[in-house]
């Protein structure tokens, strides 16, 4: 008699789960990088306004452009 040494259905399920988690992680990393760039743009805008480099009118205009 010959026996299979594989994992059968659980092997396929494990592999599918692994790839699903891997793809989800990559998408999550990409979205994290996009979100942080928007936050930093607003942060820079607030710093420029606090230093007096731009007026309140310019601040509001740029803020609406970024949103």
N, C-alpha and C. Protein backbone atom coordinates (compact mmCIF):
# COMPACT_ATOMS: atom_id res chain seq x y z
N UNK A 1 0.82 -1.19 0.00
CA UNK A 1 0.00 0.00 0.00
C UNK A 1 0.86 1.25 0.00
N UNK A 2 0.33 2.27 -0.65
CA UNK A 2 1.05 3.53 -0.68
C UNK A 2 0.21 4.58 0.04
N UNK A 3 0.85 5.33 0.86
CA UNK A 3 0.16 6.39 1.61
C UNK A 3 0.64 7.75 1.14
N UNK A 4 -0.27 8.68 1.18
CA UNK A 4 0.09 10.05 0.85
C UNK A 4 0.67 10.70 2.09
N UNK A 5 1.73 11.44 1.93
CA UNK A 5 2.34 12.14 3.05
C UNK A 5 1.94 13.61 3.06
N UNK A 6 1.05 14.00 2.16
CA UNK A 6 0.65 15.40 2.06
C UNK A 6 -0.37 15.79 3.12
N UNK A 7 -0.80 17.04 3.04
CA UNK A 7 -1.76 17.56 4.01
C UNK A 7 -3.19 17.52 3.48
N UNK A 8 -3.38 17.06 2.28
CA UNK A 8 -4.71 16.95 1.72
C UNK A 8 -5.38 18.30 1.56
N UNK A 9 -6.62 18.38 1.95
CA UNK A 9 -7.39 19.61 1.81
C UNK A 9 -6.82 20.73 2.68
N UNK A 10 -6.30 20.40 3.84
CA UNK A 10 -5.75 21.42 4.73
C UNK A 10 -4.51 22.09 4.15
N UNK A 11 -3.77 21.39 3.33
CA UNK A 11 -2.62 21.99 2.66
C UNK A 11 -3.04 23.08 1.70
N UNK A 12 -4.08 22.83 0.93
CA UNK A 12 -4.60 23.84 0.00
C UNK A 12 -5.19 25.01 0.76
N UNK A 13 -5.93 24.71 1.81
CA UNK A 13 -6.52 25.78 2.61
C UNK A 13 -5.44 26.66 3.24
N UNK A 14 -4.41 26.04 3.76
CA UNK A 14 -3.30 26.79 4.36
C UNK A 14 -2.59 27.67 3.36
N UNK A 15 -2.39 27.14 2.15
CA UNK A 15 -1.71 27.92 1.12
C UNK A 15 -2.58 29.10 0.68
N UNK A 16 -3.88 28.87 0.52
CA UNK A 16 -4.79 29.96 0.14
C UNK A 16 -4.82 31.02 1.24
N UNK A 17 -4.86 30.60 2.48
CA UNK A 17 -4.86 31.53 3.60
C UNK A 17 -3.57 32.34 3.63
N UNK A 18 -2.45 31.69 3.41
CA UNK A 18 -1.16 32.38 3.39
C UNK A 18 -1.14 33.47 2.32
N UNK A 19 -1.55 33.14 1.09
CA UNK A 19 -1.52 34.12 0.01
C UNK A 19 -2.51 35.24 0.23
N UNK A 20 -3.67 34.92 0.78
CA UNK A 20 -4.66 35.97 1.06
C UNK A 20 -4.11 36.96 2.09
N UNK A 21 -3.49 36.44 3.14
CA UNK A 21 -2.90 37.32 4.16
C UNK A 21 -1.73 38.12 3.60
N UNK A 22 -0.93 37.50 2.76
CA UNK A 22 0.21 38.18 2.16
C UNK A 22 -0.26 39.35 1.28
N UNK A 23 -1.26 39.11 0.44
CA UNK A 23 -1.79 40.17 -0.43
C UNK A 23 -2.43 41.27 0.39
N UNK A 24 -3.18 40.88 1.43
CA UNK A 24 -3.80 41.88 2.31
C UNK A 24 -2.73 42.76 2.96
N UNK A 25 -1.63 42.16 3.39
CA UNK A 25 -0.54 42.91 4.03
C UNK A 25 0.09 43.90 3.06
N UNK A 26 0.32 43.51 1.82
CA UNK A 26 0.90 44.40 0.82
C UNK A 26 -0.04 45.58 0.56
N UNK A 27 -1.33 45.31 0.40
CA UNK A 27 -2.31 46.38 0.18
C UNK A 27 -2.34 47.32 1.37
N UNK A 28 -2.29 46.76 2.57
CA UNK A 28 -2.29 47.57 3.79
C UNK A 28 -1.07 48.48 3.84
N UNK A 29 0.10 47.96 3.48
CA UNK A 29 1.32 48.78 3.47
C UNK A 29 1.20 49.94 2.48
N UNK A 30 0.67 49.67 1.30
CA UNK A 30 0.52 50.71 0.29
C UNK A 30 -0.43 51.80 0.79
N UNK A 31 -1.53 51.40 1.40
CA UNK A 31 -2.49 52.38 1.90
C UNK A 31 -1.92 53.19 3.05
N UNK A 32 -1.11 52.58 3.88
CA UNK A 32 -0.48 53.31 4.99
C UNK A 32 0.41 54.42 4.46
N UNK A 33 1.18 54.14 3.43
CA UNK A 33 2.07 55.14 2.85
C UNK A 33 1.29 56.29 2.22
N UNK A 34 0.17 56.00 1.59
CA UNK A 34 -0.64 57.05 0.98
C UNK A 34 -1.26 57.94 2.04
N UNK A 35 -1.75 57.36 3.12
CA UNK A 35 -2.38 58.14 4.18
C UNK A 35 -1.38 59.06 4.87
N UNK A 36 -0.17 58.57 5.09
CA UNK A 36 0.81 59.39 5.81
C UNK A 36 1.25 60.59 4.98
N UNK A 37 1.25 60.50 3.65
CA UNK A 37 1.65 61.64 2.84
C UNK A 37 0.61 62.75 2.91
N UNK A 38 -0.68 62.41 3.00
CA UNK A 38 -1.71 63.42 3.13
C UNK A 38 -1.63 64.12 4.48
N UNK A 39 -1.37 63.37 5.53
CA UNK A 39 -1.27 63.96 6.86
C UNK A 39 -0.07 64.88 6.92
N UNK A 40 1.02 64.49 6.33
CA UNK A 40 2.21 65.34 6.38
C UNK A 40 2.02 66.63 5.58
N UNK A 41 1.23 66.59 4.52
CA UNK A 41 0.98 67.81 3.75
C UNK A 41 0.20 68.82 4.59
N UNK A 42 -0.80 68.35 5.31
CA UNK A 42 -1.57 69.22 6.20
C UNK A 42 -0.68 69.72 7.33
N UNK A 43 0.17 68.85 7.83
CA UNK A 43 1.08 69.23 8.91
C UNK A 43 2.03 70.34 8.45
N UNK A 44 2.56 70.20 7.26
CA UNK A 44 3.46 71.23 6.71
C UNK A 44 2.70 72.54 6.52
N UNK A 45 1.48 72.45 6.04
CA UNK A 45 0.66 73.65 5.86
C UNK A 45 0.44 74.36 7.19
N UNK A 46 0.13 73.61 8.24
CA UNK A 46 -0.07 74.22 9.56
C UNK A 46 1.20 74.88 10.07
N UNK A 47 2.34 74.24 9.82
CA UNK A 47 3.61 74.82 10.25
C UNK A 47 3.90 76.12 9.51
N UNK A 48 3.65 76.14 8.22
CA UNK A 48 3.88 77.36 7.43
C UNK A 48 2.99 78.50 7.92
N UNK A 49 1.75 78.18 8.25
CA UNK A 49 0.83 79.20 8.76
C UNK A 49 1.28 79.69 10.13
N UNK A 50 1.73 78.78 10.97
CA UNK A 50 2.19 79.15 12.31
C UNK A 50 3.43 80.04 12.24
N UNK A 51 4.30 79.83 11.27
CA UNK A 51 5.50 80.64 11.12
C UNK A 51 5.21 81.99 10.48
N UNK A 52 4.01 82.14 9.93
CA UNK A 52 3.67 83.40 9.28
C UNK A 52 4.08 83.48 7.83
N UNK A 53 4.42 82.35 7.23
CA UNK A 53 4.83 82.34 5.83
C UNK A 53 3.66 82.56 4.89
N UNK A 54 2.46 82.18 5.31
CA UNK A 54 1.28 82.33 4.47
C UNK A 54 0.17 83.01 5.27
N UNK A 55 -0.73 83.65 4.56
CA UNK A 55 -1.85 84.32 5.22
C UNK A 55 -2.97 83.31 5.50
N UNK A 56 -3.97 83.78 6.27
CA UNK A 56 -5.10 82.91 6.58
C UNK A 56 -5.87 82.55 5.31
N UNK A 57 -5.98 83.50 4.40
CA UNK A 57 -6.68 83.25 3.13
C UNK A 57 -5.95 82.18 2.32
N UNK A 58 -4.61 82.29 2.25
CA UNK A 58 -3.82 81.29 1.54
C UNK A 58 -3.93 79.93 2.23
N UNK A 59 -3.91 79.95 3.56
CA UNK A 59 -4.03 78.71 4.34
C UNK A 59 -5.33 77.99 4.01
N UNK A 60 -6.44 78.74 4.04
CA UNK A 60 -7.74 78.13 3.76
C UNK A 60 -7.84 77.63 2.32
N UNK A 61 -7.26 78.37 1.38
CA UNK A 61 -7.28 77.95 -0.03
C UNK A 61 -6.49 76.66 -0.22
N UNK A 62 -5.29 76.61 0.32
CA UNK A 62 -4.46 75.41 0.16
C UNK A 62 -5.09 74.22 0.87
N UNK A 63 -5.66 74.47 2.04
CA UNK A 63 -6.31 73.39 2.79
C UNK A 63 -7.48 72.81 2.01
N UNK A 64 -8.26 73.66 1.36
CA UNK A 64 -9.38 73.16 0.56
C UNK A 64 -8.88 72.42 -0.68
N UNK A 65 -7.75 72.84 -1.23
CA UNK A 65 -7.17 72.13 -2.37
C UNK A 65 -6.69 70.74 -1.98
N UNK A 66 -6.15 70.62 -0.79
CA UNK A 66 -5.63 69.33 -0.33
C UNK A 66 -6.74 68.36 0.07
N UNK A 67 -7.86 68.87 0.49
CA UNK A 67 -8.95 68.00 0.96
C UNK A 67 -9.69 67.32 -0.15
